[in-house]
Amino acid sequence: MPFDIHGPNSHCAIGFAEEAIFALPERFGFSCPVLMRLSERFYEDTSLWADDILQLRKEMTELHDAYMDGLLRRKVVTAREPSVRARISADLSARDPLCVVLDAIRAVCDDALASGEAVQCCGD
């Protein structure tokens, strides 16, 4: 079930293991209209332009932050020192498949915004 998101110079693939990304907005009670539109149009080719790309990036940031908060609680991270907590968060984020894909989508958005080009999305 790959879902591909292409920027001008970057690419992100959402595979079977990461498909839970489409359920995160409901899980956290967020409205993520761009992500939900992509989910609804999973098998259609979809282009996103500047406003939608900015919104998708914002959605990915909100979902990443909420997901990381939960991940830190589940891993029972009790560090209070901001620099220690940041290092632990970065390590967990780099190893967690959902965090990796959320970050990859943000990178594709940044790529498209920097070049002024569209993001192309399509699923199999």
PDB file of N, CA and C in Angstrom:
ATOM      1  N   MET A   1       0.809  -1.180   0.000  1.00  0.00           N
ATOM      2  CA  MET A   1       0.000   0.000   0.000  1.00  0.00           C
ATOM      3  C   MET A   1       0.858   1.251   0.000  1.00  0.00           C
ATOM      4  N   PRO A   2       1.796   1.406  -0.849  1.00  0.00           N
ATOM      5  CA  PRO A   2       2.573   2.637  -0.786  1.00  0.00           C
ATOM      6  C   PRO A   2       1.756   3.851  -1.218  1.00  0.00           C
ATOM      7  N   PHE A   3       1.956   4.906  -0.484  1.00  0.00           N
ATOM      8  CA  PHE A   3       1.405   6.209  -0.844  1.00  0.00           C
ATOM      9  C   PHE A   3       2.619   7.109  -0.991  1.00  0.00           C
ATOM     10  N   ASP A   4       2.794   7.654  -2.177  1.00  0.00           N
ATOM     11  CA  ASP A   4       3.992   8.439  -2.474  1.00  0.00           C
ATOM     12  C   ASP A   4       3.687   9.924  -2.470  1.00  0.00           C
ATOM     13  N   ILE A   5       4.590  10.664  -1.873  1.00  0.00           N
ATOM     14  CA  ILE A   5       4.517  12.122  -1.836  1.00  0.00           C
ATOM     15  C   ILE A   5       5.824  12.629  -2.428  1.00  0.00           C
ATOM     16  N   HIS A   6       5.706  13.337  -3.546  1.00  0.00           N
ATOM     17  CA  HIS A   6       6.886  13.799  -4.273  1.00  0.00           C
ATOM     18  C   HIS A   6       6.977  15.323  -4.236  1.00  0.00           C
ATOM     19  N   GLY A   7       8.145  15.814  -3.844  1.00  0.00           N
ATOM     20  CA  GLY A   7       8.471  17.220  -3.991  1.00  0.00           C
ATOM     21  C   GLY A   7       9.375  17.359  -5.195  1.00  0.00           C
ATOM     22  N   PRO A   8       9.816  18.571  -5.500  1.00  0.00           N
ATOM     23  CA  PRO A   8      10.684  18.773  -6.659  1.00  0.00           C
ATOM     24  C   PRO A   8      11.994  17.985  -6.567  1.00  0.00           C
ATOM     25  N   ASN A   9      12.541  17.864  -5.367  1.00  0.00           N
ATOM     26  CA  ASN A   9      13.832  17.199  -5.192  1.00  0.00           C
ATOM     27  C   ASN A   9      13.821  16.153  -4.088  1.00  0.00           C
ATOM     28  N   SER A  10      12.645  15.778  -3.614  1.00  0.00           N
ATOM     29  CA  SER A  10      12.559  14.838  -2.501  1.00  0.00           C
ATOM     30  C   SER A  10      11.321  13.961  -2.654  1.00  0.00           C
ATOM     31  N   HIS A  11      11.297  12.909  -1.860  1.00  0.00           N
ATOM     32  CA  HIS A  11      10.223  11.919  -1.960  1.00  0.00           C
ATOM     33  C   HIS A  11      10.008  11.287  -0.591  1.00  0.00           C
ATOM     34  N   CYS A  12       8.762  10.954  -0.315  1.00  0.00           N
ATOM     35  CA  CYS A  12       8.408  10.234   0.904  1.00  0.00           C
ATOM     36  C   CYS A  12       7.423   9.138   0.524  1.00  0.00           C
ATOM     37  N   ALA A  13       7.654   7.942   0.998  1.00  0.00           N
ATOM     38  CA  ALA A  13       6.739   6.831   0.760  1.00  0.00           C
ATOM     39  C   ALA A  13       6.135   6.394   2.085  1.00  0.00           C
ATOM     40  N   ILE A  14       4.827   6.315   2.114  1.00  0.00           N
ATOM     41  CA  ILE A  14       4.125   5.812   3.288  1.00  0.00           C
ATOM     42  C   ILE A  14       3.758   4.375   2.978  1.00  0.00           C
ATOM     43  N   GLY A  15       4.420   3.461   3.656  1.00  0.00           N
ATOM     44  CA  GLY A  15       4.176   2.042   3.449  1.00  0.00           C
ATOM     45  C   GLY A  15       3.158   1.508   4.430  1.00  0.00           C
ATOM     46  N   PHE A  16       2.949   0.210   4.361  1.00  0.00           N
ATOM     47  CA  PHE A  16       1.981  -0.455   5.227  1.00  0.00           C
ATOM     48  C   PHE A  16       2.252  -0.160   6.703  1.00  0.00           C
ATOM     49  N   ALA A  17       3.511  -0.184   7.101  1.00  0.00           N
ATOM     50  CA  ALA A  17       3.865   0.030   8.505  1.00  0.00           C
ATOM     51  C   ALA A  17       3.540   1.437   8.991  1.00  0.00           C
ATOM     52  N   GLU A  18       3.479   2.395   8.058  1.00  0.00           N
ATOM     53  CA  GLU A  18       3.246   3.785   8.435  1.00  0.00           C
ATOM     54  C   GLU A  18       1.822   4.254   8.135  1.00  0.00           C
ATOM     55  N   GLU A  19       0.951   3.352   7.648  1.00  0.00           N
ATOM     56  CA  GLU A  19      -0.394   3.784   7.263  1.00  0.00           C
ATOM     57  C   GLU A  19      -1.186   4.353   8.439  1.00  0.00           C
ATOM     58  N   ALA A  20      -0.758   4.071   9.660  1.00  0.00           N
ATOM     59  CA  ALA A  20      -1.429   4.619  10.848  1.00  0.00           C
ATOM     60  C   ALA A  20      -1.388   6.135  10.877  1.00  0.00           C
ATOM     61  N   ILE A  21      -0.545   6.741  10.053  1.00  0.00           N
ATOM     62  CA  ILE A  21      -0.477   8.201  10.002  1.00  0.00           C
ATOM     63  C   ILE A  21      -1.844   8.805   9.686  1.00  0.00           C
ATOM     64  N   PHE A  22      -2.635   8.093   8.874  1.00  0.00           N
ATOM     65  CA  PHE A  22      -3.943   8.617   8.487  1.00  0.00           C
ATOM     66  C   PHE A  22      -4.957   8.553   9.638  1.00  0.00           C
ATOM     67  N   ALA A  23      -4.675   7.790  10.682  1.00  0.00           N
ATOM     68  CA  ALA A  23      -5.557   7.695  11.843  1.00  0.00           C
ATOM     69  C   ALA A  23      -5.146   8.639  12.977  1.00  0.00           C
ATOM     70  N   LEU A  24      -3.965   9.231  12.877  1.00  0.00           N
ATOM     71  CA  LEU A  24      -3.481  10.082  13.970  1.00  0.00           C
ATOM     72  C   LEU A  24      -4.371  11.292  14.254  1.00  0.00           C
ATOM     73  N   PRO A  25      -4.899  11.988  13.240  1.00  0.00           N
ATOM     74  CA  PRO A  25      -5.746  13.153  13.579  1.00  0.00           C
ATOM     75  C   PRO A  25      -6.922  12.785  14.486  1.00  0.00           C
ATOM     76  N   GLU A  26      -7.596  11.688  14.181  1.00  0.00           N
ATOM     77  CA  GLU A  26      -8.716  11.268  15.027  1.00  0.00           C
ATOM     78  C   GLU A  26      -8.228  10.872  16.420  1.00  0.00           C
ATOM     79  N   ARG A  27      -7.107  10.171  16.467  1.00  0.00           N
ATOM     80  CA  ARG A  27      -6.535   9.723  17.747  1.00  0.00           C
ATOM     81  C   ARG A  27      -6.254  10.891  18.686  1.00  0.00           C
ATOM     82  N   PHE A  28      -5.772  12.016  18.107  1.00  0.00           N
ATOM     83  CA  PHE A  28      -5.409  13.165  18.931  1.00  0.00           C
ATOM     84  C   PHE A  28      -6.465  14.269  18.923  1.00  0.00           C
ATOM     85  N   GLY A  29      -7.563  14.050  18.208  1.00  0.00           N
ATOM     86  CA  GLY A  29      -8.629  15.042  18.169  1.00  0.00           C
ATOM     87  C   GLY A  29      -8.281  16.277  17.363  1.00  0.00           C
ATOM     88  N   PHE A  30      -7.450  16.108  16.345  1.00  0.00           N
ATOM     89  CA  PHE A  30      -7.036  17.226  15.500  1.00  0.00           C
ATOM     90  C   PHE A  30      -7.830  17.235  14.201  1.00  0.00           C
ATOM     91  N   SER A  31      -8.020  18.414  13.687  1.00  0.00           N
ATOM     92  CA  SER A  31      -8.569  18.576  12.350  1.00  0.00           C
ATOM     93  C   SER A  31      -7.381  18.725  11.409  1.00  0.00           C
ATOM     94  N   CYS A  32      -7.212  17.798  10.527  1.00  0.00           N
ATOM     95  CA  CYS A  32      -6.108  17.831   9.560  1.00  0.00           C
ATOM     96  C   CYS A  32      -6.706  17.722   8.162  1.00  0.00           C
ATOM     97  N   PRO A  33      -7.263  18.812   7.665  1.00  0.00           N
ATOM     98  CA  PRO A  33      -8.021  18.727   6.410  1.00  0.00           C
ATOM     99  C   PRO A  33      -7.206  18.277   5.201  1.00  0.00           C
ATOM    100  N   VAL A  34      -5.957  18.672   5.109  1.00  0.00           N
ATOM    101  CA  VAL A  34      -5.161  18.277   3.941  1.00  0.00           C
ATOM    102  C   VAL A  34      -4.820  16.790   4.015  1.00  0.00           C
ATOM    103  N   LEU A  35      -4.381  16.320   5.180  1.00  0.00           N
ATOM    104  CA  LEU A  35      -4.074  14.903   5.327  1.00  0.00           C
ATOM    105  C   LEU A  35      -5.323  14.057   5.096  1.00  0.00           C
ATOM    106  N   MET A  36      -6.471  14.503   5.596  1.00  0.00           N
ATOM    107  CA  MET A  36      -7.709  13.747   5.400  1.00  0.00           C
ATOM    108  C   MET A  36      -8.112  13.730   3.918  1.00  0.00           C
ATOM    109  N   ARG A  37      -7.889  14.835   3.225  1.00  0.00           N
ATOM    110  CA  ARG A  37      -8.185  14.867   1.787  1.00  0.00           C
ATOM    111  C   ARG A  37      -7.294  13.878   1.046  1.00  0.00           C
ATOM    112  N   LEU A  38      -6.015  13.812   1.420  1.00  0.00           N
ATOM    113  CA  LEU A  38      -5.116  12.855   0.782  1.00  0.00           C
ATOM    114  C   LEU A  38      -5.564  11.424   1.066  1.00  0.00           C
ATOM    115  N   SER A  39      -6.029  11.167   2.277  1.00  0.00           N
ATOM    116  CA  SER A  39      -6.517   9.838   2.634  1.00  0.00           C
ATOM    117  C   SER A  39      -7.752   9.480   1.810  1.00  0.00           C
ATOM    118  N   GLU A  40      -8.669  10.428   1.677  1.00  0.00           N
ATOM    119  CA  GLU A  40      -9.895  10.192   0.908  1.00  0.00           C
ATOM    120  C   GLU A  40      -9.609   9.997  -0.581  1.00  0.00           C
ATOM    121  N   ARG A  41      -8.566  10.639  -1.075  1.00  0.00           N
ATOM    122  CA  ARG A  41      -8.198  10.536  -2.495  1.00  0.00           C
ATOM    123  C   ARG A  41      -6.992   9.618  -2.682  1.00  0.00           C
ATOM    124  N   PHE A  42      -6.886   8.638  -1.823  1.00  0.00           N
ATOM    125  CA  PHE A  42      -5.700   7.784  -1.782  1.00  0.00           C
ATOM    126  C   PHE A  42      -5.297   7.263  -3.154  1.00  0.00           C
ATOM    127  N   TYR A  43      -6.252   6.832  -3.951  1.00  0.00           N
ATOM    128  CA  TYR A  43      -5.935   6.219  -5.238  1.00  0.00           C
ATOM    129  C   TYR A  43      -5.954   7.211  -6.400  1.00  0.00           C
ATOM    130  N   GLU A  44      -6.122   8.474  -6.102  1.00  0.00           N
ATOM    131  CA  GLU A  44      -6.126   9.507  -7.139  1.00  0.00           C
ATOM    132  C   GLU A  44      -4.819  10.290  -7.083  1.00  0.00           C
ATOM    133  N   ASP A  45      -4.387  10.761  -8.232  1.00  0.00           N
ATOM    134  CA  ASP A  45      -3.239  11.675  -8.245  1.00  0.00           C
ATOM    135  C   ASP A  45      -3.717  13.032  -7.742  1.00  0.00           C
ATOM    136  N   THR A  46      -2.991  13.590  -6.808  1.00  0.00           N
ATOM    137  CA  THR A  46      -3.374  14.868  -6.189  1.00  0.00           C
ATOM    138  C   THR A  46      -2.169  15.791  -6.170  1.00  0.00           C
ATOM    139  N   SER A  47      -2.400  17.040  -6.537  1.00  0.00           N
ATOM    140  CA  SER A  47      -1.353  18.069  -6.466  1.00  0.00           C
ATOM    141  C   SER A  47      -1.689  19.037  -5.345  1.00  0.00           C
ATOM    142  N   LEU A  48      -0.672  19.409  -4.591  1.00  0.00           N
ATOM    143  CA  LEU A  48      -0.828  20.417  -3.542  1.00  0.00           C
ATOM    144  C   LEU A  48       0.032  21.613  -3.904  1.00  0.00           C
ATOM    145  N   TRP A  49      -0.536  22.794  -3.698  1.00  0.00           N
ATOM    146  CA  TRP A  49       0.199  24.031  -3.950  1.00  0.00           C
ATOM    147  C   TRP A  49       0.424  24.763  -2.631  1.00  0.00           C
ATOM    148  N   ALA A  50       0.988  25.929  -2.692  1.00  0.00           N
ATOM    149  CA  ALA A  50       1.531  26.652  -1.531  1.00  0.00           C
ATOM    150  C   ALA A  50       0.651  26.619  -0.281  1.00  0.00           C
ATOM    151  N   ASP A  51      -0.608  27.057  -0.365  1.00  0.00           N
ATOM    152  CA  ASP A  51      -1.449  27.107   0.841  1.00  0.00           C
ATOM    153  C   ASP A  51      -1.657  25.723   1.444  1.00  0.00           C
ATOM    154  N   ASP A  52      -1.941  24.740   0.578  1.00  0.00           N
ATOM    155  CA  ASP A  52      -2.137  23.375   1.071  1.00  0.00           C
ATOM    156  C   ASP A  52      -0.839  22.774   1.597  1.00  0.00           C
ATOM    157  N   ILE A  53       0.268  23.103   0.959  1.00  0.00           N
ATOM    158  CA  ILE A  53       1.566  22.593   1.419  1.00  0.00           C
ATOM    159  C   ILE A  53       1.883  23.161   2.805  1.00  0.00           C
ATOM    160  N   LEU A  54       1.648  24.454   2.977  1.00  0.00           N
ATOM    161  CA  LEU A  54       1.864  25.064   4.299  1.00  0.00           C
ATOM    162  C   LEU A  54       0.971  24.414   5.349  1.00  0.00           C
ATOM    163  N   GLN A  55      -0.279  24.178   4.988  1.00  0.00           N
ATOM    164  CA  GLN A  55      -1.207  23.540   5.925  1.00  0.00           C
ATOM    165  C   GLN A  55      -0.778  22.119   6.244  1.00  0.00           C
ATOM    166  N   LEU A  56      -0.365  21.349   5.226  1.00  0.00           N
ATOM    167  CA  LEU A  56       0.088  19.982   5.463  1.00  0.00           C
ATOM    168  C   LEU A  56       1.305  19.976   6.378  1.00  0.00           C
ATOM    169  N   ARG A  57       2.223  20.902   6.156  1.00  0.00           N
ATOM    170  CA  ARG A  57       3.411  20.981   7.021  1.00  0.00           C
ATOM    171  C   ARG A  57       3.006  21.261   8.469  1.00  0.00           C
ATOM    172  N   LYS A  58       2.055  22.179   8.648  1.00  0.00           N
ATOM    173  CA  LYS A  58       1.562  22.500   9.985  1.00  0.00           C
ATOM    174  C   LYS A  58       0.912  21.265  10.627  1.00  0.00           C
ATOM    175  N   GLU A  59       0.120  20.550   9.850  1.00  0.00           N
ATOM    176  CA  GLU A  59      -0.523  19.340  10.351  1.00  0.00           C
ATOM    177  C   GLU A  59       0.516  18.301  10.780  1.00  0.00           C
ATOM    178  N   MET A  60       1.556  18.129   9.979  1.00  0.00           N
ATOM    179  CA  MET A  60       2.587  17.149  10.308  1.00  0.00           C
ATOM    180  C   MET A  60       3.324  17.542  11.586  1.00  0.00           C
ATOM    181  N   THR A  61       3.561  18.829  11.772  1.00  0.00           N
ATOM    182  CA  THR A  61       4.231  19.309  12.986  1.00  0.00           C
ATOM    183  C   THR A  61       3.366  19.060  14.214  1.00  0.00           C
ATOM    184  N   GLU A  62       2.075  19.379  14.118  1.00  0.00           N
ATOM    185  CA  GLU A  62       1.171  19.157  15.253  1.00  0.00           C
ATOM    186  C   GLU A  62       1.073  17.673  15.592  1.00  0.00           C
ATOM    187  N   LEU A  63       0.931  16.837  14.564  1.00  0.00           N
ATOM    188  CA  LEU A  63       0.837  15.397  14.804  1.00  0.00           C
ATOM    189  C   LEU A  63       2.136  14.844  15.385  1.00  0.00           C
ATOM    190  N   HIS A  64       3.273  15.303  14.859  1.00  0.00           N
ATOM    191  CA  HIS A  64       4.573  14.860  15.372  1.00  0.00           C
ATOM    192  C   HIS A  64       4.714  15.212  16.846  1.00  0.00           C
ATOM    193  N   ASP A  65       4.388  16.449  17.193  1.00  0.00           N
ATOM    194  CA  ASP A  65       4.530  16.887  18.586  1.00  0.00           C
ATOM    195  C   ASP A  65       3.625  16.081  19.517  1.00  0.00           C
ATOM    196  N   ALA A  66       2.367  15.871  19.114  1.00  0.00           N
ATOM    197  CA  ALA A  66       1.435  15.112  19.951  1.00  0.00           C
ATOM    198  C   ALA A  66       1.876  13.652  20.058  1.00  0.00           C
ATOM    199  N   TYR A  67       2.305  13.083  18.952  1.00  0.00           N
ATOM    200  CA  TYR A  67       2.760  11.695  18.949  1.00  0.00           C
ATOM    201  C   TYR A  67       4.002  11.535  19.835  1.00  0.00           C
ATOM    202  N   MET A  68       4.938  12.477  19.728  1.00  0.00           N
ATOM    203  CA  MET A  68       6.158  12.416  20.543  1.00  0.00           C
ATOM    204  C   MET A  68       5.832  12.538  22.033  1.00  0.00           C
ATOM    205  N   ASP A  69       4.893  13.410  22.389  1.00  0.00           N
ATOM    206  CA  ASP A  69       4.501  13.519  23.799  1.00  0.00           C
ATOM    207  C   ASP A  69       4.028  12.166  24.320  1.00  0.00           C
ATOM    208  N   GLY A  70       3.183  11.500  23.540  1.00  0.00           N
ATOM    209  CA  GLY A  70       2.694  10.183  23.946  1.00  0.00           C
ATOM    210  C   GLY A  70       3.800   9.145  23.987  1.00  0.00           C
ATOM    211  N   LEU A  71       4.697   9.207  23.014  1.00  0.00           N
ATOM    212  CA  LEU A  71       5.813   8.261  22.959  1.00  0.00           C
ATOM    213  C   LEU A  71       6.723   8.435  24.177  1.00  0.00           C
ATOM    214  N   LEU A  72       6.995   9.671  24.542  1.00  0.00           N
ATOM    215  CA  LEU A  72       7.824   9.927  25.722  1.00  0.00           C
ATOM    216  C   LEU A  72       7.156   9.413  26.992  1.00  0.00           C
ATOM    217  N   ARG A  73       5.834   9.557  27.086  1.00  0.00           N
ATOM    218  CA  ARG A  73       5.112   9.040  28.250  1.00  0.00           C
ATOM    219  C   ARG A  73       5.141   7.508  28.277  1.00  0.00           C
ATOM    220  N   ARG A  74       4.949   6.878  27.108  1.00  0.00           N
ATOM    221  CA  ARG A  74       4.964   5.404  27.056  1.00  0.00           C
ATOM    222  C   ARG A  74       6.344   4.850  27.373  1.00  0.00           C
ATOM    223  N   LYS A  75       7.376   5.565  27.000  1.00  0.00           N
ATOM    224  CA  LYS A  75       8.743   5.118  27.289  1.00  0.00           C
ATOM    225  C   LYS A  75       9.171   5.531  28.685  1.00  0.00           C
ATOM    226  N   VAL A  76       8.284   6.195  29.418  1.00  0.00           N
ATOM    227  CA  VAL A  76       8.508   6.643  30.784  1.00  0.00           C
ATOM    228  C   VAL A  76       9.779   7.499  30.866  1.00  0.00           C
ATOM    229  N   VAL A  77       9.841   8.486  30.000  1.00  0.00           N
ATOM    230  CA  VAL A  77      10.959   9.427  30.025  1.00  0.00           C
ATOM    231  C   VAL A  77      10.626  10.486  31.069  1.00  0.00           C
ATOM    232  N   THR A  78      11.465  10.558  32.091  1.00  0.00           N
ATOM    233  CA  THR A  78      11.205  11.476  33.197  1.00  0.00           C
ATOM    234  C   THR A  78      12.207  12.620  33.265  1.00  0.00           C
ATOM    235  N   ALA A  79      13.121  12.676  32.332  1.00  0.00           N
ATOM    236  CA  ALA A  79      14.127  13.751  32.337  1.00  0.00           C
ATOM    237  C   ALA A  79      13.427  15.101  32.262  1.00  0.00           C
ATOM    238  N   ARG A  80      13.856  16.014  33.097  1.00  0.00           N
ATOM    239  CA  ARG A  80      13.278  17.360  33.114  1.00  0.00           C
ATOM    240  C   ARG A  80      14.200  18.381  32.438  1.00  0.00           C
ATOM    241  N   GLU A  81      15.488  18.111  32.447  1.00  0.00           N
ATOM    242  CA  GLU A  81      16.468  19.011  31.833  1.00  0.00           C
ATOM    243  C   GLU A  81      16.163  19.097  30.333  1.00  0.00           C
ATOM    244  N   PRO A  82      15.897  20.297  29.818  1.00  0.00           N
ATOM    245  CA  PRO A  82      15.514  20.444  28.406  1.00  0.00           C
ATOM    246  C   PRO A  82      16.504  19.840  27.410  1.00  0.00           C
ATOM    247  N   SER A  83      17.788  19.984  27.654  1.00  0.00           N
ATOM    248  CA  SER A  83      18.758  19.448  26.693  1.00  0.00           C
ATOM    249  C   SER A  83      18.770  17.912  26.706  1.00  0.00           C
ATOM    250  N   VAL A  84      18.612  17.327  27.870  1.00  0.00           N
ATOM    251  CA  VAL A  84      18.563  15.858  27.980  1.00  0.00           C
ATOM    252  C   VAL A  84      17.290  15.344  27.320  1.00  0.00           C
ATOM    253  N   ARG A  85      16.182  15.990  27.629  1.00  0.00           N
ATOM    254  CA  ARG A  85      14.892  15.596  27.038  1.00  0.00           C
ATOM    255  C   ARG A  85      14.932  15.729  25.515  1.00  0.00           C
ATOM    256  N   ALA A  86      15.566  16.777  25.024  1.00  0.00           N
ATOM    257  CA  ALA A  86      15.676  16.987  23.573  1.00  0.00           C
ATOM    258  C   ALA A  86      16.492  15.876  22.916  1.00  0.00           C
ATOM    259  N   ARG A  87      17.573  15.465  23.549  1.00  0.00           N
ATOM    260  CA  ARG A  87      18.395  14.367  22.997  1.00  0.00           C
ATOM    261  C   ARG A  87      17.617  13.054  22.969  1.00  0.00           C
ATOM    262  N   ILE A  88      16.893  12.779  24.038  1.00  0.00           N
ATOM    263  CA  ILE A  88      16.082  11.557  24.093  1.00  0.00           C
ATOM    264  C   ILE A  88      15.000  11.615  23.023  1.00  0.00           C
ATOM    265  N   SER A  89      14.342  12.756  22.906  1.00  0.00           N
ATOM    266  CA  SER A  89      13.292  12.923  21.894  1.00  0.00           C
ATOM    267  C   SER A  89      13.840  12.729  20.490  1.00  0.00           C
ATOM    268  N   ALA A  90      15.002  13.311  20.211  1.00  0.00           N
ATOM    269  CA  ALA A  90      15.604  13.188  18.878  1.00  0.00           C
ATOM    270  C   ALA A  90      15.933  11.731  18.569  1.00  0.00           C
ATOM    271  N   ASP A  91      16.451  11.017  19.551  1.00  0.00           N
ATOM    272  CA  ASP A  91      16.788   9.617  19.344  1.00  0.00           C
ATOM    273  C   ASP A  91      15.531   8.779  19.098  1.00  0.00           C
ATOM    274  N   LEU A  92      14.495   8.973  19.905  1.00  0.00           N
ATOM    275  CA  LEU A  92      13.245   8.245  19.708  1.00  0.00           C
ATOM    276  C   LEU A  92      12.617   8.585  18.366  1.00  0.00           C
ATOM    277  N   SER A  93      12.635   9.855  18.014  1.00  0.00           N
ATOM    278  CA  SER A  93      12.045  10.308  16.753  1.00  0.00           C
ATOM    279  C   SER A  93      12.745   9.690  15.554  1.00  0.00           C
ATOM    280  N   ALA A  94      14.053   9.559  15.627  1.00  0.00           N
ATOM    281  CA  ALA A  94      14.824   9.003  14.513  1.00  0.00           C
ATOM    282  C   ALA A  94      14.590   7.507  14.340  1.00  0.00           C
ATOM    283  N   ARG A  95      14.127   6.832  15.391  1.00  0.00           N
ATOM    284  CA  ARG A  95      13.944   5.383  15.329  1.00  0.00           C
ATOM    285  C   ARG A  95      12.489   4.948  15.168  1.00  0.00           C
ATOM    286  N   ASP A  96      11.556   5.835  15.392  1.00  0.00           N
ATOM    287  CA  ASP A  96      10.144   5.472  15.318  1.00  0.00           C
ATOM    288  C   ASP A  96       9.621   5.670  13.891  1.00  0.00           C
ATOM    289  N   PRO A  97       9.042   4.641  13.273  1.00  0.00           N
ATOM    290  CA  PRO A  97       8.605   4.752  11.877  1.00  0.00           C
ATOM    291  C   PRO A  97       7.610   5.879  11.610  1.00  0.00           C
ATOM    292  N   LEU A  98       6.666   6.110  12.519  1.00  0.00           N
ATOM    293  CA  LEU A  98       5.705   7.191  12.293  1.00  0.00           C
ATOM    294  C   LEU A  98       6.368   8.560  12.388  1.00  0.00           C
ATOM    295  N   CYS A  99       7.270   8.728  13.330  1.00  0.00           N
ATOM    296  CA  CYS A  99       8.000   9.995  13.427  1.00  0.00           C
ATOM    297  C   CYS A  99       8.835  10.234  12.175  1.00  0.00           C
ATOM    298  N   VAL A 100       9.464   9.179  11.691  1.00  0.00           N
ATOM    299  CA  VAL A 100      10.299   9.300  10.490  1.00  0.00           C
ATOM    300  C   VAL A 100       9.460   9.761   9.314  1.00  0.00           C
ATOM    301  N   VAL A 101       8.275   9.184   9.135  1.00  0.00           N
ATOM    302  CA  VAL A 101       7.454   9.566   7.992  1.00  0.00           C
ATOM    303  C   VAL A 101       6.873  10.973   8.176  1.00  0.00           C
ATOM    304  N   LEU A 102       6.505  11.344   9.391  1.00  0.00           N
ATOM    305  CA  LEU A 102       6.032  12.715   9.635  1.00  0.00           C
ATOM    306  C   LEU A 102       7.122  13.729   9.295  1.00  0.00           C
ATOM    307  N   ASP A 103       8.349  13.433   9.714  1.00  0.00           N
ATOM    308  CA  ASP A 103       9.481  14.302   9.387  1.00  0.00           C
ATOM    309  C   ASP A 103       9.760  14.332   7.890  1.00  0.00           C
ATOM    310  N   ALA A 104       9.634  13.187   7.234  1.00  0.00           N
ATOM    311  CA  ALA A 104       9.883  13.120   5.791  1.00  0.00           C
ATOM    312  C   ALA A 104       8.858  13.929   5.014  1.00  0.00           C
ATOM    313  N   ILE A 105       7.606  13.903   5.445  1.00  0.00           N
ATOM    314  CA  ILE A 105       6.578  14.706   4.779  1.00  0.00           C
ATOM    315  C   ILE A 105       6.870  16.185   4.971  1.00  0.00           C
ATOM    316  N   ARG A 106       7.287  16.559   6.172  1.00  0.00           N
ATOM    317  CA  ARG A 106       7.664  17.966   6.393  1.00  0.00           C
ATOM    318  C   ARG A 106       8.814  18.370   5.486  1.00  0.00           C
ATOM    319  N   ALA A 107       9.774  17.477   5.295  1.00  0.00           N
ATOM    320  CA  ALA A 107      10.919  17.783   4.426  1.00  0.00           C
ATOM    321  C   ALA A 107      10.473  17.967   2.972  1.00  0.00           C
ATOM    322  N   VAL A 108       9.537  17.143   2.510  1.00  0.00           N
ATOM    323  CA  VAL A 108       9.013  17.306   1.151  1.00  0.00           C
ATOM    324  C   VAL A 108       8.295  18.651   1.035  1.00  0.00           C
ATOM    325  N   CYS A 109       7.526  19.005   2.052  1.00  0.00           N
ATOM    326  CA  CYS A 109       6.839  20.305   2.050  1.00  0.00           C
ATOM    327  C   CYS A 109       7.848  21.451   2.002  1.00  0.00           C
ATOM    328  N   ASP A 110       8.891  21.367   2.812  1.00  0.00           N
ATOM    329  CA  ASP A 110       9.922  22.410   2.818  1.00  0.00           C
ATOM    330  C   ASP A 110      10.584  22.530   1.451  1.00  0.00           C
ATOM    331  N   ASP A 111      10.854  21.389   0.830  1.00  0.00           N
ATOM    332  CA  ASP A 111      11.461  21.356  -0.502  1.00  0.00           C
ATOM    333  C   ASP A 111      10.565  22.080  -1.507  1.00  0.00           C
ATOM    334  N   ALA A 112       9.279  21.751  -1.511  1.00  0.00           N
ATOM    335  CA  ALA A 112       8.356  22.367  -2.459  1.00  0.00           C
ATOM    336  C   ALA A 112       8.180  23.857  -2.187  1.00  0.00           C
ATOM    337  N   LEU A 113       8.085  24.232  -0.926  1.00  0.00           N
ATOM    338  CA  LEU A 113       7.916  25.650  -0.594  1.00  0.00           C
ATOM    339  C   LEU A 113       9.144  26.462  -1.004  1.00  0.00           C
ATOM    340  N   ALA A 114      10.322  25.906  -0.814  1.00  0.00           N
ATOM    341  CA  ALA A 114      11.558  26.609  -1.170  1.00  0.00           C
ATOM    342  C   ALA A 114      11.668  26.822  -2.670  1.00  0.00           C
ATOM    343  N   SER A 115      11.149  25.877  -3.441  1.00  0.00           N
ATOM    344  CA  SER A 115      11.270  25.985  -4.903  1.00  0.00           C
ATOM    345  C   SER A 115      10.036  26.593  -5.553  1.00  0.00           C
ATOM    346  N   GLY A 116       8.966  26.768  -4.781  1.00  0.00           N
ATOM    347  CA  GLY A 116       7.739  27.328  -5.344  1.00  0.00           C
ATOM    348  C   GLY A 116       6.997  26.354  -6.244  1.00  0.00           C
ATOM    349  N   GLU A 117       7.269  25.067  -6.089  1.00  0.00           N
ATOM    350  CA  GLU A 117       6.636  24.054  -6.930  1.00  0.00           C
ATOM    351  C   GLU A 117       5.620  23.250  -6.129  1.00  0.00           C
ATOM    352  N   ALA A 118       4.858  22.419  -6.827  1.00  0.00           N
ATOM    353  CA  ALA A 118       3.810  21.613  -6.221  1.00  0.00           C
ATOM    354  C   ALA A 118       4.367  20.354  -5.584  1.00  0.00           C
ATOM    355  N   VAL A 119       3.549  19.773  -4.728  1.00  0.00           N
ATOM    356  CA  VAL A 119       3.781  18.446  -4.185  1.00  0.00           C
ATOM    357  C   VAL A 119       2.799  17.527  -4.911  1.00  0.00           C
ATOM    358  N   GLN A 120       3.298  16.397  -5.397  1.00  0.00           N
ATOM    359  CA  GLN A 120       2.461  15.426  -6.100  1.00  0.00           C
ATOM    360  C   GLN A 120       2.272  14.213  -5.201  1.00  0.00           C
ATOM    361  N   CYS A 121       1.031  13.738  -5.097  1.00  0.00           N
ATOM    362  CA  CYS A 121       0.714  12.600  -4.231  1.00  0.00           C
ATOM    363  C   CYS A 121      -0.045  11.553  -5.026  1.00  0.00           C
ATOM    364  N   CYS A 122       0.277  10.288  -4.773  1.00  0.00           N
ATOM    365  CA  CYS A 122      -0.448   9.203  -5.419  1.00  0.00           C
ATOM    366  C   CYS A 122      -0.284   7.916  -4.611  1.00  0.00           C
ATOM    367  N   GLY A 123      -1.316   7.093  -4.648  1.00  0.00           N
ATOM    368  CA  GLY A 123      -1.274   5.814  -3.948  1.00  0.00           C
ATOM    369  C   GLY A 123      -1.483   4.668  -4.907  1.00  0.00           C
ATOM    370  N   ASP A 124      -1.088   3.496  -4.474  1.00  0.00           N
ATOM    371  CA  ASP A 124      -1.268   2.288  -5.295  1.00  0.00           C
ATOM    372  C   ASP A 124      -2.509   1.548  -4.858  1.00  0.00           C
TER     373      ASP A 124
END
